[in-house]
N, C-alpha and C. Protein backbone atom coordinates (compact mmCIF):
# COMPACT_ATOMS: atom_id res chain seq x y z
N MET A 1 0.85 -1.20 0.00
CA MET A 1 0.00 0.00 0.00
C MET A 1 0.89 1.26 0.00
N ASN A 2 1.69 1.39 1.04
CA ASN A 2 2.58 2.58 1.10
C ASN A 2 4.00 2.18 0.71
N SER A 3 4.36 2.46 -0.51
CA SER A 3 5.71 2.07 -0.99
C SER A 3 6.77 2.95 -0.32
N LEU A 4 6.36 4.14 0.09
CA LEU A 4 7.33 5.06 0.72
C LEU A 4 7.62 4.64 2.16
N ILE A 5 6.63 4.06 2.79
CA ILE A 5 6.79 3.65 4.21
C ILE A 5 7.54 2.31 4.27
N LYS A 6 7.43 1.53 3.20
CA LYS A 6 8.09 0.20 3.21
C LYS A 6 9.61 0.35 3.29
N PRO A 7 10.25 1.06 2.39
CA PRO A 7 11.70 1.22 2.44
C PRO A 7 12.16 1.98 3.69
N LEU A 8 11.33 2.91 4.13
CA LEU A 8 11.69 3.68 5.33
C LEU A 8 11.71 2.76 6.55
N ARG A 9 10.74 1.89 6.62
CA ARG A 9 10.65 0.98 7.79
C ARG A 9 11.81 -0.01 7.70
N LEU A 10 12.12 -0.47 6.50
CA LEU A 10 13.20 -1.46 6.36
C LEU A 10 14.53 -0.83 6.81
N ARG A 11 14.74 0.39 6.37
CA ARG A 11 16.05 1.08 6.71
C ARG A 11 16.03 1.34 8.22
N ASP A 12 14.89 1.65 8.78
CA ASP A 12 14.82 1.95 10.22
C ASP A 12 15.23 0.70 11.01
N GLN A 13 14.73 -0.45 10.58
CA GLN A 13 15.05 -1.70 11.31
C GLN A 13 16.54 -2.00 11.20
N ILE A 14 17.10 -1.75 10.03
CA ILE A 14 18.54 -2.03 9.84
C ILE A 14 19.36 -1.08 10.71
N GLU A 15 18.97 0.18 10.74
CA GLU A 15 19.71 1.16 11.55
C GLU A 15 19.62 0.80 13.03
N ILE A 16 18.45 0.36 13.46
CA ILE A 16 18.28 -0.01 14.88
C ILE A 16 19.16 -1.22 15.20
N ALA A 17 19.24 -2.14 14.26
CA ALA A 17 20.05 -3.35 14.49
C ALA A 17 21.53 -2.96 14.61
N ILE A 18 21.95 -1.98 13.83
CA ILE A 18 23.36 -1.56 13.88
C ILE A 18 23.61 -0.76 15.17
N TYR A 19 22.64 0.06 15.51
CA TYR A 19 22.81 0.89 16.72
C TYR A 19 22.82 0.01 17.97
N ARG A 20 22.03 -1.07 17.90
CA ARG A 20 21.92 -1.96 19.07
C ARG A 20 23.20 -2.78 19.05
């Protein structure tokens, strides 16, 4: 549905994994 939210959420999860 939201193609803009999909990549944003994916990058957010990756960033959180790196920060953690």
